[in-house]
PDB file of N, CA and C in Angstrom:
ATOM      1  N   MET A   1      32.471  16.022 100.941  1.00  0.00           N
ATOM      2  CA  MET A   1      32.253  17.114 100.043  1.00  0.00           C
ATOM      3  C   MET A   1      32.264  16.650  98.588  1.00  0.00           C
ATOM      4  N   ALA A   2      33.046  15.648  98.273  1.00  0.00           N
ATOM      5  CA  ALA A   2      33.099  15.150  96.907  1.00  0.00           C
ATOM      6  C   ALA A   2      31.774  14.511  96.513  1.00  0.00           C
ATOM      7  N   ALA A   3      31.140  13.800  97.433  1.00  0.00           N
ATOM      8  CA  ALA A   3      29.859  13.170  97.143  1.00  0.00           C
ATOM      9  C   ALA A   3      28.791  14.219  96.873  1.00  0.00           C
ATOM     10  N   GLU A   4      28.861  15.318  97.606  1.00  0.00           N
ATOM     11  CA  GLU A   4      27.892  16.384  97.409  1.00  0.00           C
ATOM     12  C   GLU A   4      28.053  17.014  96.034  1.00  0.00           C
ATOM     13  N   LEU A   5      29.296  17.164  95.572  1.00  0.00           N
ATOM     14  CA  LEU A   5      29.542  17.720  94.241  1.00  0.00           C
ATOM     15  C   LEU A   5      29.031  16.784  93.149  1.00  0.00           C
ATOM     16  N   VAL A   6      29.242  15.459  93.332  1.00  0.00           N
ATOM     17  CA  VAL A   6      28.758  14.469  92.355  1.00  0.00           C
ATOM     18  C   VAL A   6      27.245  14.521  92.278  1.00  0.00           C
ATOM     19  N   VAL A   7      26.593  14.557  93.428  1.00  0.00           N
ATOM     20  CA  VAL A   7      25.135  14.613  93.461  1.00  0.00           C
ATOM     21  C   VAL A   7      24.650  15.939  92.885  1.00  0.00           C
ATOM     22  N   ALA A   8      25.330  17.020  93.194  1.00  0.00           N
ATOM     23  CA  ALA A   8      24.934  18.332  92.684  1.00  0.00           C
ATOM     24  C   ALA A   8      25.081  18.399  91.166  1.00  0.00           C
ATOM     25  N   PHE A   9      26.068  17.710  90.626  1.00  0.00           N
ATOM     26  CA  PHE A   9      26.275  17.727  89.183  1.00  0.00           C
ATOM     27  C   PHE A   9      25.444  16.656  88.480  1.00  0.00           C
ATOM     28  N   ALA A  10      25.421  15.426  89.019  1.00  0.00           N
ATOM     29  CA  ALA A  10      24.753  14.299  88.377  1.00  0.00           C
ATOM     30  C   ALA A  10      23.235  14.413  88.461  1.00  0.00           C
ATOM     31  N   GLY A  11      22.719  14.986  89.496  1.00  0.00           N
ATOM     32  CA  GLY A  11      21.263  15.106  89.673  1.00  0.00           C
ATOM     33  C   GLY A  11      20.595  15.856  88.533  1.00  0.00           C
ATOM     34  N   PRO A  12      21.020  17.087  88.261  1.00  0.00           N
ATOM     35  CA  PRO A  12      20.402  17.819  87.158  1.00  0.00           C
ATOM     36  C   PRO A  12      20.629  17.173  85.792  1.00  0.00           C
ATOM     37  N   VAL A  13      21.828  16.586  85.592  1.00  0.00           N
ATOM     38  CA  VAL A  13      22.101  15.933  84.316  1.00  0.00           C
ATOM     39  C   VAL A  13      21.172  14.733  84.137  1.00  0.00           C
ATOM     40  N   LEU A  14      21.058  13.916  85.184  1.00  0.00           N
ATOM     41  CA  LEU A  14      20.176  12.757  85.133  1.00  0.00           C
ATOM     42  C   LEU A  14      18.722  13.192  84.955  1.00  0.00           C
ATOM     43  N   GLY A  15      18.325  14.239  85.607  1.00  0.00           N
ATOM     44  CA  GLY A  15      16.963  14.764  85.447  1.00  0.00           C
ATOM     45  C   GLY A  15      16.711  15.235  84.021  1.00  0.00           C
ATOM     46  N   ALA A  16      17.692  15.909  83.438  1.00  0.00           N
ATOM     47  CA  ALA A  16      17.562  16.383  82.070  1.00  0.00           C
ATOM     48  C   ALA A  16      17.459  15.213  81.091  1.00  0.00           C
ATOM     49  N   VAL A  17      18.268  14.171  81.321  1.00  0.00           N
ATOM     50  CA  VAL A  17      18.229  12.990  80.442  1.00  0.00           C
ATOM     51  C   VAL A  17      16.870  12.303  80.536  1.00  0.00           C
ATOM     52  N   VAL A  18      16.370  12.106  81.741  1.00  0.00           N
ATOM     53  CA  VAL A  18      15.067  11.456  81.924  1.00  0.00           C
ATOM     54  C   VAL A  18      13.950  12.311  81.328  1.00  0.00           C
ATOM     55  N   GLY A  19      14.010  13.606  81.573  1.00  0.00           N
ATOM     56  CA  GLY A  19      12.984  14.499  81.023  1.00  0.00           C
ATOM     57  C   GLY A  19      13.000  14.517  79.504  1.00  0.00           C
ATOM     58  N   THR A  20      14.196  14.592  78.910  1.00  0.00           N
ATOM     59  CA  THR A  20      14.312  14.595  77.456  1.00  0.00           C
ATOM     60  C   THR A  20      13.827  13.272  76.872  1.00  0.00           C
ATOM     61  N   THR A  21      14.171  12.170  77.503  1.00  0.00           N
ATOM     62  CA  THR A  21      13.724  10.853  77.043  1.00  0.00           C
ATOM     63  C   THR A  21      12.203  10.747  77.107  1.00  0.00           C
ATOM     64  N   ALA A  22      11.609  11.196  78.181  1.00  0.00           N
ATOM     65  CA  ALA A  22      10.146  11.151  78.309  1.00  0.00           C
ATOM     66  C   ALA A  22       9.489  12.034  77.256  1.00  0.00           C
ATOM     67  N   PHE A  23      10.050  13.241  77.029  1.00  0.00           N
ATOM     68  CA  PHE A  23       9.495  14.150  76.033  1.00  0.00           C
ATOM     69  C   PHE A  23       9.576  13.537  74.633  1.00  0.00           C
ATOM     70  N   MET A  24      10.734  12.968  74.292  1.00  0.00           N
ATOM     71  CA  MET A  24      10.913  12.381  72.964  1.00  0.00           C
ATOM     72  C   MET A  24      10.014  11.157  72.782  1.00  0.00           C
ATOM     73  N   GLY A  25       9.863  10.356  73.832  1.00  0.00           N
ATOM     74  CA  GLY A  25       8.981   9.193  73.753  1.00  0.00           C
ATOM     75  C   GLY A  25       7.541   9.595  73.512  1.00  0.00           C
ATOM     76  N   ARG A  26       7.106  10.604  74.250  1.00  0.00           N
ATOM     77  CA  ARG A  26       5.727  11.082  74.076  1.00  0.00           C
ATOM     78  C   ARG A  26       5.530  11.674  72.683  1.00  0.00           C
ATOM     79  N   ARG A  27       6.530  12.409  72.210  1.00  0.00           N
ATOM     80  CA  ARG A  27       6.455  13.003  70.871  1.00  0.00           C
ATOM     81  C   ARG A  27       6.393  11.916  69.798  1.00  0.00           C
ATOM     82  N   MET A  28       7.195  10.869  69.949  1.00  0.00           N
ATOM     83  CA  MET A  28       7.188   9.772  68.981  1.00  0.00           C
ATOM     84  C   MET A  28       5.843   9.049  68.993  1.00  0.00           C
ATOM     85  N   ILE A  29       5.273   8.849  70.172  1.00  0.00           N
ATOM     86  CA  ILE A  29       3.965   8.200  70.272  1.00  0.00           C
ATOM     87  C   ILE A  29       2.902   9.047  69.586  1.00  0.00           C
ATOM     88  N   THR A  30       2.943  10.358  69.784  1.00  0.00           N
ATOM     89  CA  THR A  30       1.977  11.256  69.154  1.00  0.00           C
ATOM     90  C   THR A  30       2.109  11.214  67.632  1.00  0.00           C
ATOM     91  N   ARG A  31       3.337  11.270  67.123  1.00  0.00           N
ATOM     92  CA  ARG A  31       3.551  11.218  65.667  1.00  0.00           C
ATOM     93  C   ARG A  31       3.102   9.884  65.086  1.00  0.00           C
ATOM     94  N   THR A  32       3.427   8.808  65.777  1.00  0.00           N
ATOM     95  CA  THR A  32       3.022   7.484  65.303  1.00  0.00           C
ATOM     96  C   THR A  32       1.502   7.385  65.251  1.00  0.00           C
ATOM     97  N   ASP A  33       0.837   7.902  66.271  1.00  0.00           N
ATOM     98  CA  ASP A  33      -0.619   7.881  66.294  1.00  0.00           C
ATOM     99  C   ASP A  33      -1.208   8.693  65.144  1.00  0.00           C
ATOM    100  N   GLU A  34      -0.634   9.856  64.866  1.00  0.00           N
ATOM    101  CA  GLU A  34      -1.110  10.683  63.748  1.00  0.00           C
ATOM    102  C   GLU A  34      -0.918   9.968  62.413  1.00  0.00           C
ATOM    103  N   GLN A  35       0.238   9.336  62.239  1.00  0.00           N
ATOM    104  CA  GLN A  35       0.501   8.638  60.979  1.00  0.00           C
ATOM    105  C   GLN A  35      -0.417   7.433  60.811  1.00  0.00           C
ATOM    106  N   LEU A  36      -0.681   6.703  61.879  1.00  0.00           N
ATOM    107  CA  LEU A  36      -1.604   5.574  61.794  1.00  0.00           C
ATOM    108  C   LEU A  36      -3.022   6.048  61.477  1.00  0.00           C
ATOM    109  N   THR A  37      -3.409   7.178  62.022  1.00  0.00           N
ATOM    110  CA  THR A  37      -4.719   7.736  61.708  1.00  0.00           C
ATOM    111  C   THR A  37      -4.799   8.116  60.229  1.00  0.00           C
ATOM    112  N   GLN A  38      -3.747   8.727  59.696  1.00  0.00           N
ATOM    113  CA  GLN A  38      -3.716   9.081  58.272  1.00  0.00           C
ATOM    114  C   GLN A  38      -3.787   7.831  57.398  1.00  0.00           C
ATOM    115  N   ILE A  39      -3.060   6.802  57.772  1.00  0.00           N
ATOM    116  CA  ILE A  39      -3.095   5.554  57.004  1.00  0.00           C
ATOM    117  C   ILE A  39      -4.492   4.961  57.037  1.00  0.00           C
ATOM    118  N   GLY A  40      -5.125   4.967  58.201  1.00  0.00           N
ATOM    119  CA  GLY A  40      -6.498   4.461  58.316  1.00  0.00           C
ATOM    120  C   GLY A  40      -7.467   5.230  57.434  1.00  0.00           C
ATOM    121  N   ASN A  41      -7.316   6.548  57.389  1.00  0.00           N
ATOM    122  CA  ASN A  41      -8.189   7.365  56.538  1.00  0.00           C
ATOM    123  C   ASN A  41      -7.971   7.052  55.061  1.00  0.00           C
ATOM    124  N   LYS A  42      -6.711   6.866  54.670  1.00  0.00           N
ATOM    125  CA  LYS A  42      -6.416   6.551  53.274  1.00  0.00           C
ATOM    126  C   LYS A  42      -6.963   5.184  52.890  1.00  0.00           C
ATOM    127  N   ILE A  43      -6.892   4.232  53.821  1.00  0.00           N
ATOM    128  CA  ILE A  43      -7.439   2.900  53.543  1.00  0.00           C
ATOM    129  C   ILE A  43      -8.949   2.989  53.346  1.00  0.00           C
ATOM    130  N   GLU A  44      -9.625   3.803  54.147  1.00  0.00           N
ATOM    131  CA  GLU A  44     -11.071   3.968  53.989  1.00  0.00           C
ATOM    132  C   GLU A  44     -11.404   4.564  52.620  1.00  0.00           C
ATOM    133  N   VAL A  45     -10.595   5.499  52.143  1.00  0.00           N
ATOM    134  CA  VAL A  45     -10.809   6.098  50.825  1.00  0.00           C
ATOM    135  C   VAL A  45     -10.635   5.040  49.740  1.00  0.00           C
ATOM    136  N   VAL A  46      -9.589   4.226  49.870  1.00  0.00           N
ATOM    137  CA  VAL A  46      -9.341   3.175  48.876  1.00  0.00           C
ATOM    138  C   VAL A  46     -10.489   2.165  48.873  1.00  0.00           C
ATOM    139  N   VAL A  47     -10.952   1.771  50.041  1.00  0.00           N
ATOM    140  CA  VAL A  47     -12.066   0.823  50.129  1.00  0.00           C
ATOM    141  C   VAL A  47     -13.304   1.413  49.467  1.00  0.00           C
ATOM    142  N   GLY A  48     -13.567   2.679  49.695  1.00  0.00           N
ATOM    143  CA  GLY A  48     -14.712   3.329  49.054  1.00  0.00           C
ATOM    144  C   GLY A  48     -14.594   3.337  47.544  1.00  0.00           C
ATOM    145  N   LYS A  49     -13.395   3.622  47.032  1.00  0.00           N
ATOM    146  CA  LYS A  49     -13.195   3.633  45.577  1.00  0.00           C
ATOM    147  C   LYS A  49     -13.357   2.241  44.990  1.00  0.00           C
ATOM    148  N   ILE A  50     -12.862   1.220  45.681  1.00  0.00           N
ATOM    149  CA  ILE A  50     -13.011  -0.148  45.186  1.00  0.00           C
ATOM    150  C   ILE A  50     -14.481  -0.536  45.165  1.00  0.00           C
ATOM    151  N   THR A  51     -15.225  -0.166  46.191  1.00  0.00           N
ATOM    152  CA  THR A  51     -16.655  -0.472  46.225  1.00  0.00           C
ATOM    153  C   THR A  51     -17.372   0.240  45.086  1.00  0.00           C
ATOM    154  N   ASP A  52     -17.041   1.497  44.837  1.00  0.00           N
ATOM    155  CA  ASP A  52     -17.645   2.229  43.726  1.00  0.00           C
ATOM    156  C   ASP A  52     -17.312   1.566  42.402  1.00  0.00           C
ATOM    157  N   LEU A  53     -16.090   1.106  42.237  1.00  0.00           N
ATOM    158  CA  LEU A  53     -15.672   0.444  41.010  1.00  0.00           C
ATOM    159  C   LEU A  53     -16.456  -0.846  40.811  1.00  0.00           C
ATOM    160  N   GLN A  54     -16.670  -1.618  41.873  1.00  0.00           N
ATOM    161  CA  GLN A  54     -17.434  -2.852  41.770  1.00  0.00           C
ATOM    162  C   GLN A  54     -18.859  -2.565  41.330  1.00  0.00           C
ATOM    163  N   VAL A  55     -19.466  -1.540  41.881  1.00  0.00           N
ATOM    164  CA  VAL A  55     -20.832  -1.185  41.501  1.00  0.00           C
ATOM    165  C   VAL A  55     -20.859  -0.724  40.050  1.00  0.00           C
ATOM    166  N   ASP A  56     -19.874   0.079  39.627  1.00  0.00           N
ATOM    167  CA  ASP A  56     -19.820   0.545  38.243  1.00  0.00           C
ATOM    168  C   ASP A  56     -19.656  -0.615  37.279  1.00  0.00           C
ATOM    169  N   LEU A  57     -18.806  -1.572  37.614  1.00  0.00           N
ATOM    170  CA  LEU A  57     -18.607  -2.709  36.731  1.00  0.00           C
ATOM    171  C   LEU A  57     -19.899  -3.497  36.552  1.00  0.00           C
ATOM    172  N   ALA A  58     -20.662  -3.609  37.608  1.00  0.00           N
ATOM    173  CA  ALA A  58     -21.869  -4.420  37.545  1.00  0.00           C
ATOM    174  C   ALA A  58     -23.018  -3.710  36.827  1.00  0.00           C
ATOM    175  N   THR A  59     -23.023  -2.395  36.808  1.00  0.00           N
ATOM    176  CA  THR A  59     -24.192  -1.700  36.266  1.00  0.00           C
ATOM    177  C   THR A  59     -23.920  -0.920  34.987  1.00  0.00           C
ATOM    178  N   HIS A  60     -22.699  -0.500  34.727  1.00  0.00           N
ATOM    179  CA  HIS A  60     -22.455   0.401  33.610  1.00  0.00           C
ATOM    180  C   HIS A  60     -21.866  -0.251  32.370  1.00  0.00           C
ATOM    181  N   TYR A  61     -21.350  -1.449  32.474  1.00  0.00           N
ATOM    182  CA  TYR A  61     -20.680  -2.030  31.328  1.00  0.00           C
ATOM    183  C   TYR A  61     -21.580  -2.935  30.492  1.00  0.00           C
ATOM    184  N   VAL A  62     -22.513  -3.630  31.096  1.00  0.00           N
ATOM    185  CA  VAL A  62     -23.382  -4.550  30.376  1.00  0.00           C
ATOM    186  C   VAL A  62     -24.798  -4.409  30.919  1.00  0.00           C
ATOM    187  N   THR A  63     -25.732  -4.244  29.994  1.00  0.00           N
ATOM    188  CA  THR A  63     -27.127  -4.226  30.419  1.00  0.00           C
ATOM    189  C   THR A  63     -27.652  -5.657  30.418  1.00  0.00           C
ATOM    190  N   LYS A  64     -28.808  -5.840  31.017  1.00  0.00           N
ATOM    191  CA  LYS A  64     -29.401  -7.175  31.051  1.00  0.00           C
ATOM    192  C   LYS A  64     -29.740  -7.656  29.651  1.00  0.00           C
ATOM    193  N   ALA A  65     -30.233  -6.761  28.804  1.00  0.00           N
ATOM    194  CA  ALA A  65     -30.586  -7.143  27.438  1.00  0.00           C
ATOM    195  C   ALA A  65     -29.343  -7.557  26.646  1.00  0.00           C
ATOM    196  N   GLU A  66     -28.250  -6.810  26.808  1.00  0.00           N
ATOM    197  CA  GLU A  66     -27.011  -7.167  26.119  1.00  0.00           C
ATOM    198  C   GLU A  66     -26.479  -8.513  26.608  1.00  0.00           C
ATOM    199  N   MET A  67     -26.565  -8.748  27.899  1.00  0.00           N
ATOM    200  CA  MET A  67     -26.100 -10.023  28.441  1.00  0.00           C
ATOM    201  C   MET A  67     -26.961 -11.171  27.931  1.00  0.00           C
ATOM    202  N   ALA A  68     -28.274 -10.973  27.875  1.00  0.00           N
ATOM    203  CA  ALA A  68     -29.167 -12.022  27.360  1.00  0.00           C
ATOM    204  C   ALA A  68     -28.884 -12.298  25.890  1.00  0.00           C
ATOM    205  N   ALA A  69     -28.639 -11.248  25.104  1.00  0.00           N
ATOM    206  CA  ALA A  69     -28.312 -11.431  23.683  1.00  0.00           C
ATOM    207  C   ALA A  69     -26.994 -12.181  23.531  1.00  0.00           C
ATOM    208  N   HIS A  70     -26.028 -11.869  24.355  1.00  0.00           N
ATOM    209  CA  HIS A  70     -24.742 -12.562  24.298  1.00  0.00           C
ATOM    210  C   HIS A  70     -24.914 -14.046  24.639  1.00  0.00           C
ATOM    211  N   ILE A  71     -25.695 -14.330  25.656  1.00  0.00           N
ATOM    212  CA  ILE A  71     -25.943 -15.723  26.053  1.00  0.00           C
ATOM    213  C   ILE A  71     -26.654 -16.471  24.936  1.00  0.00           C
ATOM    214  N   ASP A  72     -27.650 -15.835  24.312  1.00  0.00           N
ATOM    215  CA  ASP A  72     -28.369 -16.471  23.198  1.00  0.00           C
ATOM    216  C   ASP A  72     -27.423 -16.755  22.037  1.00  0.00           C
ATOM    217  N   ASN A  73     -26.564 -15.800  21.694  1.00  0.00           N
ATOM    218  CA  ASN A  73     -25.606 -16.007  20.605  1.00  0.00           C
ATOM    219  C   ASN A  73     -24.629 -17.137  20.944  1.00  0.00           C
ATOM    220  N   GLU A  74     -24.194 -17.190  22.167  1.00  0.00           N
ATOM    221  CA  GLU A  74     -23.280 -18.256  22.591  1.00  0.00           C
ATOM    222  C   GLU A  74     -23.964 -19.621  22.510  1.00  0.00           C
ATOM    223  N   GLU A  75     -25.215 -19.666  22.934  1.00  0.00           N
ATOM    224  CA  GLU A  75     -25.970 -20.921  22.869  1.00  0.00           C
ATOM    225  C   GLU A  75     -26.171 -21.360  21.418  1.00  0.00           C
ATOM    226  N   ARG A  76     -26.483 -20.422  20.547  1.00  0.00           N
ATOM    227  CA  ARG A  76     -26.664 -20.720  19.127  1.00  0.00           C
ATOM    228  C   ARG A  76     -25.355 -21.239  18.518  1.00  0.00           C
ATOM    229  N   TRP A  77     -24.238 -20.591  18.845  1.00  0.00           N
ATOM    230  CA  TRP A  77     -22.939 -21.016  18.329  1.00  0.00           C
ATOM    231  C   TRP A  77     -22.599 -22.420  18.809  1.00  0.00           C
ATOM    232  N   GLN A  78     -22.855 -22.715  20.088  1.00  0.00           N
ATOM    233  CA  GLN A  78     -22.562 -24.046  20.617  1.00  0.00           C
ATOM    234  C   GLN A  78     -23.440 -25.106  19.946  1.00  0.00           C
ATOM    235  N   ASN A  79     -24.695 -24.779  19.683  1.00  0.00           N
ATOM    236  CA  ASN A  79     -25.583 -25.734  18.992  1.00  0.00           C
ATOM    237  C   ASN A  79     -25.097 -25.991  17.570  1.00  0.00           C
ATOM    238  N   GLU A  80     -24.603 -24.964  16.883  1.00  0.00           N
ATOM    239  CA  GLU A  80     -24.061 -25.147  15.534  1.00  0.00           C
ATOM    240  C   GLU A  80     -22.832 -26.047  15.563  1.00  0.00           C
ATOM    241  N   ILE A  81     -21.958 -25.843  16.519  1.00  0.00           N
ATOM    242  CA  ILE A  81     -20.764 -26.693  16.650  1.00  0.00           C
ATOM    243  C   ILE A  81     -21.181 -28.130  16.945  1.00  0.00           C
ATOM    244  N   LEU A  82     -22.143 -28.308  17.830  1.00  0.00           N
ATOM    245  CA  LEU A  82     -22.626 -29.644  18.159  1.00  0.00           C
ATOM    246  C   LEU A  82     -23.219 -30.324  16.930  1.00  0.00           C
ATOM    247  N   SER A  83     -23.976 -29.572  16.141  1.00  0.00           N
ATOM    248  CA  SER A  83     -24.545 -30.124  14.911  1.00  0.00           C
ATOM    249  C   SER A  83     -23.445 -30.522  13.932  1.00  0.00           C
ATOM    250  N   ASN A  84     -22.439 -29.698  13.783  1.00  0.00           N
ATOM    251  CA  ASN A  84     -21.314 -30.021  12.898  1.00  0.00           C
ATOM    252  C   ASN A  84     -20.581 -31.278  13.365  1.00  0.00           C
ATOM    253  N   VAL A  85     -20.401 -31.430  14.655  1.00  0.00           N
ATOM    254  CA  VAL A  85     -19.736 -32.615  15.192  1.00  0.00           C
ATOM    255  C   VAL A  85     -20.591 -33.855  14.942  1.00  0.00           C
ATOM    256  N   ARG A  86     -21.901 -33.743  15.107  1.00  0.00           N
ATOM    257  CA  ARG A  86     -22.794 -34.882  14.829  1.00  0.00           C
ATOM    258  C   ARG A  86     -22.729 -35.276  13.356  1.00  0.00           C
ATOM    259  N   ASP A  87     -22.737 -34.261  12.460  1.00  0.00           N
ATOM    260  CA  ASP A  87     -22.627 -34.551  11.028  1.00  0.00           C
ATOM    261  C   ASP A  87     -21.297 -35.231  10.718  1.00  0.00           C
ATOM    262  N   LEU A  88     -20.232 -34.758  11.315  1.00  0.00           N
ATOM    263  CA  LEU A  88     -18.920 -35.349  11.102  1.00  0.00           C
ATOM    264  C   LEU A  88     -18.887 -36.789  11.605  1.00  0.00           C
ATOM    265  N   ARG A  89     -19.492 -37.026  12.743  1.00  0.00           N
ATOM    266  CA  ARG A  89     -19.563 -38.387  13.279  1.00  0.00           C
ATOM    267  C   ARG A  89     -20.340 -39.299  12.330  1.00  0.00           C
ATOM    268  N   ALA A  90     -21.471 -38.814  11.826  1.00  0.00           N
ATOM    269  CA  ALA A  90     -22.272 -39.620  10.892  1.00  0.00           C
ATOM    270  C   ALA A  90     -21.486 -39.903   9.616  1.00  0.00           C
ATOM    271  N   ASP A  91     -20.756 -38.903   9.110  1.00  0.00           N
ATOM    272  CA  ASP A  91     -19.943 -39.112   7.907  1.00  0.00           C
ATOM    273  C   ASP A  91     -18.851 -40.153   8.154  1.00  0.00           C
ATOM    274  N   ILE A  92     -18.235 -40.089   9.324  1.00  0.00           N
ATOM    275  CA  ILE A  92     -17.182 -41.061   9.646  1.00  0.00           C
ATOM    276  C   ILE A  92     -17.763 -42.464   9.747  1.00  0.00           C
ATOM    277  N   ARG A  93     -18.954 -42.624  10.335  1.00  0.00           N
ATOM    278  CA  ARG A  93     -19.589 -43.938  10.438  1.00  0.00           C
ATOM    279  C   ARG A  93     -19.974 -44.490   9.060  1.00  0.00           C
ATOM    280  N   ASN A  94     -20.298 -43.595   8.131  1.00  0.00           N
ATOM    281  CA  ASN A  94     -20.724 -44.047   6.801  1.00  0.00           C
ATOM    282  C   ASN A  94     -19.555 -44.341   5.857  1.00  0.00           C
ATOM    283  N   LEU A  95     -18.342 -44.101   6.290  1.00  0.00           N
ATOM    284  CA  LEU A  95     -17.184 -44.382   5.449  1.00  0.00           C
ATOM    285  C   LEU A  95     -17.067 -45.895   5.220  1.00  0.00           C
ATOM    286  N   PRO A  96     -16.620 -46.291   4.045  1.00  0.00           N
ATOM    287  CA  PRO A  96     -16.432 -47.726   3.823  1.00  0.00           C
ATOM    288  C   PRO A  96     -15.242 -48.211   4.666  1.00  0.00           C
ATOM    289  N   PRO A  97     -15.272 -49.453   5.045  1.00  0.00           N
ATOM    290  CA  PRO A  97     -14.163 -49.977   5.857  1.00  0.00           C
ATOM    291  C   PRO A  97     -12.876 -49.974   5.054  1.00  0.00           C
ATOM    292  N   PRO A  98     -11.747 -49.817   5.712  1.00  0.00           N
ATOM    293  CA  PRO A  98     -10.469 -49.819   4.998  1.00  0.00           C
ATOM    294  C   PRO A  98     -10.201 -51.188   4.382  1.00  0.00           C
ATOM    295  N   THR A  99      -9.575 -51.195   3.234  1.00  0.00           N
ATOM    296  CA  THR A  99      -9.286 -52.470   2.549  1.00  0.00           C
ATOM    297  C   THR A  99      -7.858 -52.892   2.731  1.00  0.00           C
TER     298      THR A  99
END
């Protein structure tokens, strides 16, 4: 009779524990899946914004004409510096030797 009482009491308790554990596990899996889906959606939004920013940087900040003018000015400046260095070199070569 004692074994029957243990089984009568332990059976429903064990069933409740297993059922609650299964329910909580399934609930946690569902929540985790929802959160991962939200994270994936947010990452897609960020990727889209970064792509838009890259396109904006390439097209809205500098035109081709402005870039060509900048390159020409840079080339002119470098040629002037090179000419100054050549003049300086020639002046140094023309100096009298030290006495």
